[in-house]
Amino acid sequence: MRPDAPIRRILSKDQALKQCSAYLHQHYPEAQLIEVASTSAAMEAIVRQRWHDAAAIGSEAALRQYGLHVIARNIGNVKHNKTRFAVLGPLREPYHPRTGSDATALVIYPHRDRIGLLEDILAIISKAYGLNLSAIHSRPDTLGAFRFYMEVEGHLEDPPVQGCLEALAQQLRDEEIEIRVFGTYPRCAFNEPRLRTIGIIGGTGQMGQWFQRFFRAAGYTVLISGRRTPLTYEECIARSDAVIINVPLQYTVDVIRAVGPLFRPGQLITDNASIKTRPVAAMLEAVPPGVEVLGMHTVFGPAVESLRQQNVIFTRTPASGELAQEFESIFYKYGAKITYTTPEYHDKQMAFHQNLEHFTKVVLAQVLRTQFGDAAEMERYSSPNSRASLATMGRILSGDPDLYCEIQAFNEQGPAMLRAYLEIAQQLGQALIAGDTRPFRESMRASVEALGPAYLQEMRRRSQAMERHSV
């Protein structure tokens, strides 16, 4: 077409027209969209027919080969869109060896239609075996049925992938369903991740080792730096895209202040402390401009095997950007329950869930040992309620006293929470000692009304589930 001619028709392959629909609707709402066999066929038709009012969508190199000039670039609905090609052939050699970041392609071909069939298949893949579907496409056959082409993350030799394929074959054996594996190969993301290497300062402890296993299984390079590792803090930061500060709480702020100036623009710093106000403020103060800052708290311990349904709290900052979002998405992808909040509100919540919870159970333990002595004898007198309380007490006492003391000492909102508890306990306790049960009864009724039946029913359901599990 001539540069000054109006565009009345636009030619390309059907998928290309759909992928550029937003741009075409905005800039050429009146133009006729013509589907042809390929993008190159569109250009060939324009040249052959000598159309001066037509345009084609295709690669810039092909446009120039046909002598056509470029009107606009990057017009797709999704920026940096890519097309992936696969090479299929007979299996003469073993599958591609494991790389740690692999994908397996398969097709599931039900010869008969059934309501809920795809849901059953996905339940096996995602729920039963925890595999992530990186792609799923349905294509019709010639008989009105569909083939489901899928790609799952993981190598064919990985136990979860092997188990999933065996379960699919076993559970679908009574139905006319074919399952074929195309191959297994290194995973290639359509969107190039900016985070490739994650450093962990303080990664030699149990939680640091958990992070190391988790991120490596997710396909990231992980660098560990501690007081006794060959890799220094400075080297770890220089070679990482994101760095997690994962040191004991009493050292967190000092380490952040020491290493903050070592960061460069385009990196991410995050912490994994159970207190957020002081560490987040220290990160914002210590790092140079252009470094992204994100607060994090994984509310679970290193014994957790799967991230699914585990609480992870993020405190975004004015310096949180695309890197922080990409980092958060890693946890979301693997099933974490993510909460966004401010550092101050996070610490108030932790003052209840940690400071107060630890305090009441330590007091309970001291009452038990001073009033009864023989803890084993308590079981013969316990109720479901007291058993649940004693179980939590035992779990806390099995933890690290230094860690619990750090939480008590460093959460600035802890003392206010303990004072509120002691004041209420004093009021209700003194009334009961004096034989007056009214304050106790009124407190229960007020709490029932404030918390609501839905919340209380859910807590009761959880309590009953824990009781059944313990039996």
Protein backbone atom coordinates (compact mmCIF):
# COMPACT_ATOMS: atom_id res chain seq x y z
CA MET A 1 0.00 0.00 0.00
CA ARG A 2 1.04 3.63 -0.37
CA PRO A 3 2.08 5.33 2.89
CA ASP A 4 -0.67 7.96 2.48
CA ALA A 5 -3.46 5.57 1.41
CA PRO A 6 -6.28 4.80 3.88
CA ILE A 7 -6.45 1.22 5.11
CA ARG A 8 -9.74 -0.45 4.20
CA ARG A 9 -8.75 -4.14 4.64
CA ILE A 10 -6.29 -5.97 6.86
CA LEU A 11 -5.07 -9.47 6.04
CA SER A 12 -3.45 -12.09 8.23
CA LYS A 13 -3.85 -15.52 9.76
CA ASP A 14 -6.95 -15.83 11.97
CA GLN A 15 -4.93 -16.09 15.19
CA ALA A 16 -2.87 -13.02 14.35
CA LEU A 17 -6.02 -10.96 13.77
CA LYS A 18 -7.46 -12.11 17.10
CA GLN A 19 -4.22 -11.43 18.96
CA CYS A 20 -4.20 -7.84 17.65
CA SER A 21 -7.94 -7.21 18.02
CA ALA A 22 -7.65 -4.38 20.56
CA TYR A 23 -5.27 -2.36 18.36
CA LEU A 24 -7.32 -2.97 15.22
CA HIS A 25 -10.56 -1.96 16.91
CA GLN A 26 -9.02 1.24 18.21
CA HIS A 27 -7.14 2.37 15.08
CA TYR A 28 -9.03 0.72 12.18
CA PRO A 29 -12.61 0.09 13.35
CA GLU A 30 -14.00 0.35 9.77
CA ALA A 31 -11.43 -1.90 8.06
CA GLN A 32 -12.41 -5.32 6.74
CA LEU A 33 -10.51 -8.15 8.43
CA ILE A 34 -9.62 -10.91 5.96
CA GLU A 35 -8.38 -14.30 7.15
CA VAL A 36 -5.78 -16.06 4.98
CA ALA A 37 -3.72 -19.22 5.34
CA SER A 38 -0.64 -17.56 6.85
CA THR A 39 0.92 -14.18 7.58
CA SER A 40 3.23 -14.56 4.60
CA ALA A 41 0.22 -15.36 2.37
CA ALA A 42 -1.31 -12.04 3.47
CA MET A 43 1.74 -10.12 2.30
CA GLU A 44 1.96 -12.07 -0.94
CA ALA A 45 -1.69 -11.31 -1.73
CA ILE A 46 -1.18 -7.57 -1.20
CA VAL A 47 1.83 -7.50 -3.52
CA ARG A 48 0.27 -9.77 -6.17
CA GLN A 49 -3.05 -7.90 -6.26
CA ARG A 50 -1.31 -4.52 -5.98
CA TRP A 51 -3.71 -3.43 -3.29
CA HIS A 52 -2.94 0.07 -2.09
CA ASP A 53 -5.62 0.12 0.59
CA ALA A 54 -4.57 -3.08 2.38
CA ALA A 55 -2.23 -3.97 5.25
CA ALA A 56 -0.89 -7.23 6.60
CA ILE A 57 0.04 -8.41 10.09
CA GLY A 58 3.26 -10.41 10.28
CA SER A 59 6.94 -10.32 11.15
CA GLU A 60 8.93 -7.21 10.31
CA ALA A 61 11.55 -9.23 8.41
CA ALA A 62 8.89 -10.79 6.15
CA LEU A 63 7.26 -7.42 5.51
CA ARG A 64 10.54 -6.01 4.27
CA GLN A 65 11.14 -9.05 2.05
CA TYR A 66 7.88 -8.28 0.25
CA GLY A 67 8.80 -4.61 -0.07
CA LEU A 68 6.17 -3.42 2.42
CA HIS A 69 6.88 -0.71 4.96
CA VAL A 70 6.12 -0.93 8.71
CA ILE A 71 3.20 1.13 10.00
CA ALA A 72 3.32 0.04 13.67
CA ARG A 73 5.17 -2.42 15.90
CA ASN A 74 4.14 -4.44 18.98
CA ILE A 75 0.40 -4.20 18.29
CA GLY A 76 -0.57 -7.44 20.02
CA ASN A 77 -3.06 -7.51 22.89
CA VAL A 78 -0.31 -9.13 24.99
CA LYS A 79 3.03 -7.42 24.66
CA HIS A 80 6.02 -9.53 23.65
CA ASN A 81 3.75 -12.34 22.49
CA LYS A 82 5.55 -15.48 21.35
CA THR A 83 4.78 -18.61 19.36
CA ARG A 84 6.11 -21.93 20.53
CA PHE A 85 6.93 -24.81 18.19
CA ALA A 86 7.44 -28.47 19.04
CA VAL A 87 9.38 -31.11 17.15
CA LEU A 88 7.78 -34.57 17.24
CA GLY A 89 9.44 -37.79 16.18
CA PRO A 90 10.01 -41.44 17.09
CA LEU A 91 11.62 -42.16 20.45
CA ARG A 92 15.05 -43.42 19.42
CA GLU A 93 16.81 -42.07 22.48
CA PRO A 94 15.79 -41.64 26.14
CA TYR A 95 13.81 -38.60 27.12
CA HIS A 96 15.67 -35.38 27.79
CA PRO A 97 17.50 -35.70 31.13
CA ARG A 98 16.28 -33.77 34.15
CA THR A 99 17.28 -30.15 34.43
CA GLY A 100 15.36 -29.25 37.60
CA SER A 101 12.99 -27.08 35.59
CA ASP A 102 11.15 -29.39 33.22
CA ALA A 103 7.75 -29.94 31.61
CA THR A 104 5.93 -33.02 30.34
CA ALA A 105 3.47 -32.89 27.43
CA LEU A 106 0.60 -35.34 27.04
CA VAL A 107 -2.74 -35.73 25.32
CA ILE A 108 -5.88 -37.19 26.89
CA TYR A 109 -8.39 -38.43 24.34
CA PRO A 110 -11.84 -39.39 25.67
CA HIS A 111 -13.74 -41.21 22.94
CA ARG A 112 -17.04 -40.46 24.68
CA ASP A 113 -18.29 -37.26 26.25
CA ARG A 114 -19.28 -37.12 29.92
CA ILE A 115 -20.29 -34.24 32.17
CA GLY A 116 -17.56 -33.60 34.72
CA LEU A 117 -14.87 -35.63 32.95
CA LEU A 118 -12.40 -32.76 32.58
CA GLU A 119 -13.03 -31.78 36.20
CA ASP A 120 -12.15 -35.33 37.30
CA ILE A 121 -8.97 -35.28 35.22
CA LEU A 122 -7.86 -31.93 36.63
CA ALA A 123 -8.61 -33.09 40.19
CA ILE A 124 -6.12 -35.93 39.75
CA ILE A 125 -3.47 -33.68 38.21
CA SER A 126 -3.75 -30.63 40.42
CA LYS A 127 -5.36 -31.68 43.69
CA ALA A 128 -4.18 -35.24 44.17
CA TYR A 129 -0.62 -34.79 42.88
CA GLY A 130 -0.11 -31.03 43.14
CA LEU A 131 1.12 -30.60 39.57
CA ASN A 132 0.88 -27.22 37.91
CA LEU A 133 -0.69 -27.08 34.47
CA SER A 134 1.41 -24.75 32.34
CA ALA A 135 -0.80 -25.27 29.28
CA ILE A 136 -4.12 -26.88 28.33
CA HIS A 137 -5.82 -26.81 24.94
CA SER A 138 -8.83 -28.65 23.60
CA ARG A 139 -9.09 -29.65 19.96
CA PRO A 140 -12.07 -31.38 18.30
CA ASP A 141 -11.76 -34.72 16.57
CA THR A 142 -13.83 -35.72 13.53
CA LEU A 143 -16.56 -37.37 15.65
CA GLY A 144 -17.64 -34.47 17.84
CA ALA A 145 -15.39 -35.32 20.81
CA PHE A 146 -12.35 -33.41 22.07
CA ARG A 147 -8.72 -34.13 22.71
CA PHE A 148 -7.11 -32.33 25.65
CA TYR A 149 -3.50 -31.36 25.07
CA MET A 150 -1.76 -30.60 28.36
CA GLU A 151 1.63 -29.60 29.67
CA VAL A 152 2.43 -30.16 33.33
CA GLU A 153 5.45 -28.87 35.18
CA GLY A 154 7.84 -31.66 36.13
CA HIS A 155 9.97 -34.33 34.49
CA LEU A 156 8.52 -37.67 33.44
CA GLU A 157 10.84 -39.37 35.92
CA ASP A 158 9.70 -37.21 38.85
CA PRO A 159 7.64 -39.31 41.31
CA PRO A 160 4.65 -36.88 41.28
CA VAL A 161 4.47 -36.97 37.46
CA GLN A 162 4.87 -40.74 37.36
CA GLY A 163 2.23 -41.19 40.05
CA CYS A 164 -0.17 -38.81 38.30
CA LEU A 165 0.06 -40.67 34.97
CA GLU A 166 -0.46 -44.01 36.74
CA ALA A 167 -3.46 -42.60 38.64
CA LEU A 168 -4.99 -41.23 35.44
CA ALA A 169 -4.66 -44.62 33.76
CA GLN A 170 -6.01 -46.44 36.81
CA GLN A 171 -8.95 -44.20 37.63
CA LEU A 172 -10.01 -43.76 34.00
CA ARG A 173 -9.50 -47.39 33.00
CA ASP A 174 -13.23 -48.13 32.82
CA GLU A 175 -13.82 -45.32 30.33
CA GLU A 176 -12.81 -45.15 26.69
CA ILE A 177 -9.90 -42.80 27.25
CA GLU A 178 -6.46 -42.79 25.67
CA ILE A 179 -3.48 -41.17 27.39
CA ARG A 180 -0.33 -40.51 25.38
CA VAL A 181 2.86 -38.82 26.55
CA PHE A 182 4.57 -36.73 23.87
CA GLY A 183 7.76 -36.05 25.74
CA THR A 184 9.53 -34.28 28.57
CA TYR A 185 11.88 -31.33 28.09
CA PRO A 186 13.32 -28.22 29.75
CA ARG A 187 10.57 -25.77 30.65
CA CYS A 188 10.58 -22.50 28.74
CA ALA A 189 8.47 -19.67 30.05
CA PHE A 190 6.62 -17.47 27.57
CA ASN A 191 7.33 -14.44 29.71
CA GLU A 192 11.02 -14.19 30.56
CA PRO A 193 11.33 -13.95 34.35
CA ARG A 194 13.43 -11.17 35.77
CA LEU A 195 14.12 -13.19 38.89
CA ARG A 196 16.53 -16.01 38.16
CA THR A 197 18.89 -16.13 41.13
CA ILE A 198 17.67 -15.78 44.71
CA GLY A 199 20.16 -15.19 47.50
CA ILE A 200 19.49 -16.05 51.14
CA ILE A 201 21.51 -14.29 53.81
CA GLY A 202 21.27 -16.49 56.87
CA GLY A 203 20.33 -19.49 54.77
CA THR A 204 22.23 -22.12 56.75
CA GLY A 205 19.50 -22.53 59.38
CA GLN A 206 16.45 -24.75 59.12
CA MET A 207 14.18 -22.11 57.56
CA GLY A 208 16.95 -21.07 55.19
CA GLN A 209 17.28 -24.69 54.07
CA TRP A 210 13.50 -24.80 53.52
CA PHE A 211 13.76 -21.75 51.24
CA GLN A 212 16.66 -23.37 49.41
CA ARG A 213 14.67 -26.54 48.68
CA PHE A 214 11.55 -24.60 47.71
CA PHE A 215 13.16 -22.17 45.27
CA ARG A 216 15.39 -24.79 43.66
CA ALA A 217 12.39 -27.05 43.09
CA ALA A 218 10.68 -24.05 41.47
CA GLY A 219 13.57 -23.72 38.99
CA TYR A 220 15.60 -20.89 40.55
CA THR A 221 19.31 -20.70 41.24
CA VAL A 222 19.79 -20.29 44.99
CA LEU A 223 22.83 -18.79 46.72
CA ILE A 224 23.41 -19.26 50.45
CA SER A 225 25.48 -16.91 52.56
CA GLY A 226 26.05 -17.19 56.30
CA ARG A 227 28.70 -16.44 58.87
CA ARG A 228 30.51 -19.69 58.08
CA THR A 229 29.92 -20.06 54.32
CA PRO A 230 32.60 -19.42 51.69
CA LEU A 231 30.18 -17.06 49.93
CA THR A 232 30.23 -13.64 51.58
CA TYR A 233 27.21 -11.38 51.97
CA GLU A 234 28.68 -8.99 49.38
CA GLU A 235 29.23 -11.77 46.81
CA CYS A 236 25.74 -13.20 47.42
CA ILE A 237 24.10 -9.82 46.82
CA ALA A 238 26.24 -9.08 43.73
CA ARG A 239 25.18 -12.34 42.05
CA SER A 240 21.46 -12.32 43.00
CA ASP A 241 18.34 -10.73 41.57
CA ALA A 242 16.49 -10.94 44.90
CA VAL A 243 17.91 -11.42 48.39
CA ILE A 244 16.05 -12.67 51.47
CA ILE A 245 17.35 -11.54 54.87
CA ASN A 246 16.66 -14.60 57.02
CA VAL A 247 18.71 -14.13 60.18
CA PRO A 248 17.61 -14.38 63.85
CA LEU A 249 15.26 -11.59 64.83
CA GLN A 250 17.72 -9.91 67.17
CA TYR A 251 20.19 -9.42 64.30
CA THR A 252 17.75 -8.60 61.48
CA VAL A 253 17.87 -4.80 61.60
CA ASP A 254 21.66 -4.68 62.09
CA VAL A 255 22.26 -7.03 59.14
CA ILE A 256 19.89 -5.01 56.93
CA ARG A 257 21.74 -1.79 57.77
CA ALA A 258 25.09 -3.44 57.07
CA VAL A 259 24.22 -5.03 53.71
CA GLY A 260 21.70 -2.47 52.40
CA PRO A 261 24.30 -0.22 50.74
CA LEU A 262 25.64 -3.26 48.80
CA PHE A 263 22.47 -3.49 46.69
CA ARG A 264 22.19 -1.91 43.25
CA PRO A 265 19.15 -0.56 41.37
CA GLY A 266 17.10 -3.31 39.74
CA GLN A 267 17.39 -5.73 42.67
CA LEU A 268 14.87 -6.78 45.34
CA ILE A 269 15.48 -7.00 49.07
CA THR A 270 13.02 -8.74 51.37
CA ASP A 271 13.14 -10.05 54.92
CA ASN A 272 11.51 -13.02 56.59
CA ALA A 273 11.18 -11.72 60.13
CA SER A 274 8.14 -12.29 62.32
CA ILE A 275 8.22 -8.57 63.16
CA LYS A 276 7.77 -6.12 60.32
CA THR A 277 7.80 -2.48 61.49
CA ARG A 278 11.50 -2.07 62.26
CA PRO A 279 12.93 -4.36 59.51
CA VAL A 280 10.83 -2.75 56.75
CA ALA A 281 11.82 0.74 57.89
CA ALA A 282 15.48 -0.33 58.01
CA MET A 283 15.33 -1.73 54.44
CA LEU A 284 13.78 1.47 53.08
CA GLU A 285 16.48 3.54 54.79
CA ALA A 286 19.48 1.33 53.98
CA VAL A 287 19.21 0.51 50.26
CA PRO A 288 20.01 2.90 47.39
CA PRO A 289 17.23 4.37 45.21
CA GLY A 290 15.99 1.95 42.57
CA VAL A 291 16.16 -1.11 44.83
CA GLU A 292 12.76 -2.69 45.43
CA VAL A 293 11.75 -3.36 49.05
CA LEU A 294 9.20 -5.93 50.22
CA GLY A 295 8.42 -7.21 53.70
CA MET A 296 7.59 -10.92 54.08
CA HIS A 297 6.58 -13.28 56.88
CA THR A 298 6.13 -16.99 56.23
CA VAL A 299 3.83 -17.95 59.09
CA PHE A 300 4.98 -21.56 59.32
CA GLY A 301 8.07 -23.52 60.28
CA PRO A 302 10.66 -25.57 58.37
CA ALA A 303 8.81 -28.84 59.04
CA VAL A 304 6.14 -27.88 56.48
CA GLU A 305 6.53 -30.02 53.35
CA SER A 306 4.16 -28.17 51.03
CA LEU A 307 3.34 -24.48 50.66
CA ARG A 308 -0.28 -25.29 49.86
CA GLN A 309 -2.71 -23.47 52.20
CA GLN A 310 0.12 -22.03 54.32
CA ASN A 311 -0.12 -18.37 55.37
CA VAL A 312 2.38 -15.94 53.84
CA ILE A 313 2.10 -12.24 54.67
CA PHE A 314 3.53 -9.48 52.48
CA THR A 315 3.92 -5.86 53.48
CA ARG A 316 4.32 -3.83 50.31
CA THR A 317 6.18 -0.54 50.41
CA PRO A 318 6.46 2.55 48.18
CA ALA A 319 9.58 0.81 46.78
CA SER A 320 7.71 -2.39 45.78
CA GLY A 321 7.40 -2.83 42.01
CA GLU A 322 7.47 -5.47 39.29
CA LEU A 323 10.20 -7.55 40.94
CA ALA A 324 8.21 -7.66 44.17
CA GLN A 325 5.10 -8.78 42.28
CA GLU A 326 7.06 -11.50 40.51
CA PHE A 327 8.47 -12.66 43.86
CA GLU A 328 5.00 -12.77 45.43
CA SER A 329 3.70 -14.75 42.45
CA ILE A 330 6.10 -17.60 43.22
CA PHE A 331 4.33 -18.21 46.52
CA TYR A 332 0.88 -17.75 45.01
CA LYS A 333 1.67 -20.28 42.29
CA TYR A 334 2.47 -23.00 44.79
CA GLY A 335 -0.72 -22.57 46.82
CA ALA A 336 0.14 -20.14 49.62
CA LYS A 337 -2.64 -18.14 51.26
CA ILE A 338 -1.34 -14.61 50.77
CA THR A 339 -2.32 -11.61 52.89
CA TYR A 340 -1.27 -8.01 52.20
CA THR A 341 -1.08 -5.62 55.12
CA THR A 342 0.92 -2.82 56.73
CA PRO A 343 3.91 -3.46 58.99
CA GLU A 344 2.05 -1.94 61.96
CA TYR A 345 -1.08 -4.06 61.61
CA HIS A 346 1.01 -7.16 60.99
CA ASP A 347 2.82 -6.63 64.28
CA LYS A 348 -0.45 -6.10 66.15
CA GLN A 349 -1.75 -9.40 64.79
CA MET A 350 1.50 -11.16 65.73
CA ALA A 351 1.26 -9.70 69.23
CA PHE A 352 -1.92 -11.77 69.58
CA HIS A 353 -0.95 -14.91 67.63
CA GLN A 354 2.61 -15.11 68.94
CA ASN A 355 3.34 -12.96 72.01
CA LEU A 356 0.04 -13.64 73.76
CA GLU A 357 -0.27 -17.26 72.62
CA HIS A 358 3.24 -18.13 73.79
CA PHE A 359 2.74 -16.26 77.06
CA THR A 360 -0.52 -18.00 78.00
CA LYS A 361 0.88 -21.46 77.25
CA VAL A 362 4.06 -20.86 79.26
CA VAL A 363 1.87 -19.73 82.17
CA LEU A 364 -0.32 -22.83 81.73
CA ALA A 365 2.77 -25.05 81.81
CA GLN A 366 4.01 -23.41 85.01
CA VAL A 367 0.60 -23.91 86.67
CA LEU A 368 0.61 -27.55 85.59
CA ARG A 369 4.07 -28.33 87.01
CA THR A 370 3.55 -26.42 90.26
CA GLN A 371 0.02 -27.70 91.00
CA PHE A 372 0.24 -31.30 89.74
CA GLY A 373 3.78 -32.33 88.90
CA ASP A 374 2.95 -35.52 87.00
CA ALA A 375 1.99 -34.37 83.49
CA ALA A 376 1.17 -37.89 82.30
CA GLU A 377 -1.61 -38.13 84.85
CA MET A 378 -3.37 -35.16 83.24
CA GLU A 379 -4.48 -37.24 80.26
CA ARG A 380 -6.88 -39.35 82.35
CA TYR A 381 -8.77 -36.21 83.38
CA SER A 382 -8.62 -34.22 80.15
CA SER A 383 -11.56 -33.04 78.09
CA PRO A 384 -11.46 -32.35 74.32
CA ASN A 385 -10.98 -28.65 75.07
CA SER A 386 -8.14 -29.16 77.51
CA ARG A 387 -6.44 -31.72 75.29
CA ALA A 388 -6.32 -29.19 72.45
CA SER A 389 -4.87 -26.58 74.81
CA LEU A 390 -2.28 -28.99 76.23
CA ALA A 391 -1.27 -30.05 72.73
CA THR A 392 -0.55 -26.42 71.80
CA MET A 393 1.34 -26.00 75.07
CA GLY A 394 3.51 -29.00 74.26
CA ARG A 395 4.24 -27.72 70.79
CA ILE A 396 5.35 -24.33 72.10
CA LEU A 397 7.52 -25.85 74.84
CA SER A 398 9.19 -28.00 72.19
CA GLY A 399 10.33 -24.85 70.38
CA ASP A 400 13.38 -22.65 70.83
CA PRO A 401 13.10 -20.56 74.04
CA ASP A 402 15.54 -17.97 72.63
CA LEU A 403 13.33 -17.48 69.55
CA TYR A 404 10.21 -17.02 71.68
CA CYS A 405 12.04 -14.56 73.92
CA GLU A 406 13.14 -12.60 70.83
CA ILE A 407 9.52 -12.33 69.71
CA GLN A 408 8.50 -11.06 73.15
CA ALA A 409 11.34 -8.55 73.23
CA PHE A 410 11.24 -7.14 69.70
CA ASN A 411 7.53 -6.79 68.90
CA GLU A 412 6.81 -3.25 70.07
CA GLN A 413 3.08 -4.00 70.19
CA GLY A 414 3.51 -7.05 72.43
CA PRO A 415 3.43 -5.25 75.81
CA ALA A 416 0.10 -3.55 75.03
CA MET A 417 -1.44 -6.91 74.08
CA LEU A 418 -0.16 -8.54 77.30
CA ARG A 419 -1.46 -5.64 79.43
CA ALA A 420 -4.92 -5.95 77.86
CA TYR A 421 -4.91 -9.69 78.57
CA LEU A 422 -3.77 -9.29 82.18
CA GLU A 423 -6.36 -6.59 82.89
CA ILE A 424 -9.21 -8.75 81.59
CA ALA A 425 -7.88 -11.85 83.35
CA GLN A 426 -7.60 -9.89 86.60
CA GLN A 427 -11.16 -8.59 86.37
CA LEU A 428 -12.79 -11.92 85.50
CA GLY A 429 -10.57 -13.91 87.84
CA GLN A 430 -11.18 -11.73 90.89
CA ALA A 431 -14.92 -11.85 90.26
CA LEU A 432 -14.91 -15.66 90.10
CA ILE A 433 -12.77 -15.91 93.22
CA ALA A 434 -15.33 -13.75 94.99
CA GLY A 435 -18.12 -16.07 93.80
CA ASP A 436 -19.54 -13.66 91.22
CA THR A 437 -20.05 -15.43 87.87
CA ARG A 438 -21.88 -12.59 86.15
CA PRO A 439 -18.81 -10.92 84.56
CA PHE A 440 -17.69 -14.29 83.20
CA ARG A 441 -21.13 -15.03 81.74
CA GLU A 442 -21.45 -11.53 80.26
CA SER A 443 -18.00 -11.75 78.71
CA MET A 444 -18.90 -15.03 77.01
CA ARG A 445 -22.18 -13.66 75.68
CA ALA A 446 -20.57 -10.47 74.40
CA SER A 447 -17.85 -12.44 72.62
CA VAL A 448 -20.39 -14.76 70.99
CA GLU A 449 -22.31 -11.78 69.67
CA ALA A 450 -19.20 -9.94 68.47
CA LEU A 451 -17.48 -12.89 66.79
CA GLY A 452 -20.65 -14.19 65.16
CA PRO A 453 -22.08 -17.68 64.62
CA ALA A 454 -20.28 -18.34 61.32
CA TYR A 455 -16.83 -17.81 62.83
CA LEU A 456 -17.62 -19.85 65.94
CA GLN A 457 -19.04 -22.73 63.91
CA GLU A 458 -15.89 -22.81 61.77
CA MET A 459 -13.66 -22.86 64.87
CA ARG A 460 -15.74 -25.65 66.34
CA ARG A 461 -15.48 -27.62 63.11
CA ARG A 462 -11.70 -27.26 63.15
CA SER A 463 -11.54 -28.30 66.78
CA GLN A 464 -13.57 -31.42 66.09
CA ALA A 465 -11.40 -32.23 63.07
CA MET A 466 -8.24 -31.95 65.19
CA GLU A 467 -9.81 -34.14 67.86
CA ARG A 468 -10.68 -36.84 65.29
CA HIS A 469 -7.17 -36.62 63.85
CA SER A 470 -5.55 -37.01 67.26
CA VAL A 471 -7.66 -40.11 67.96
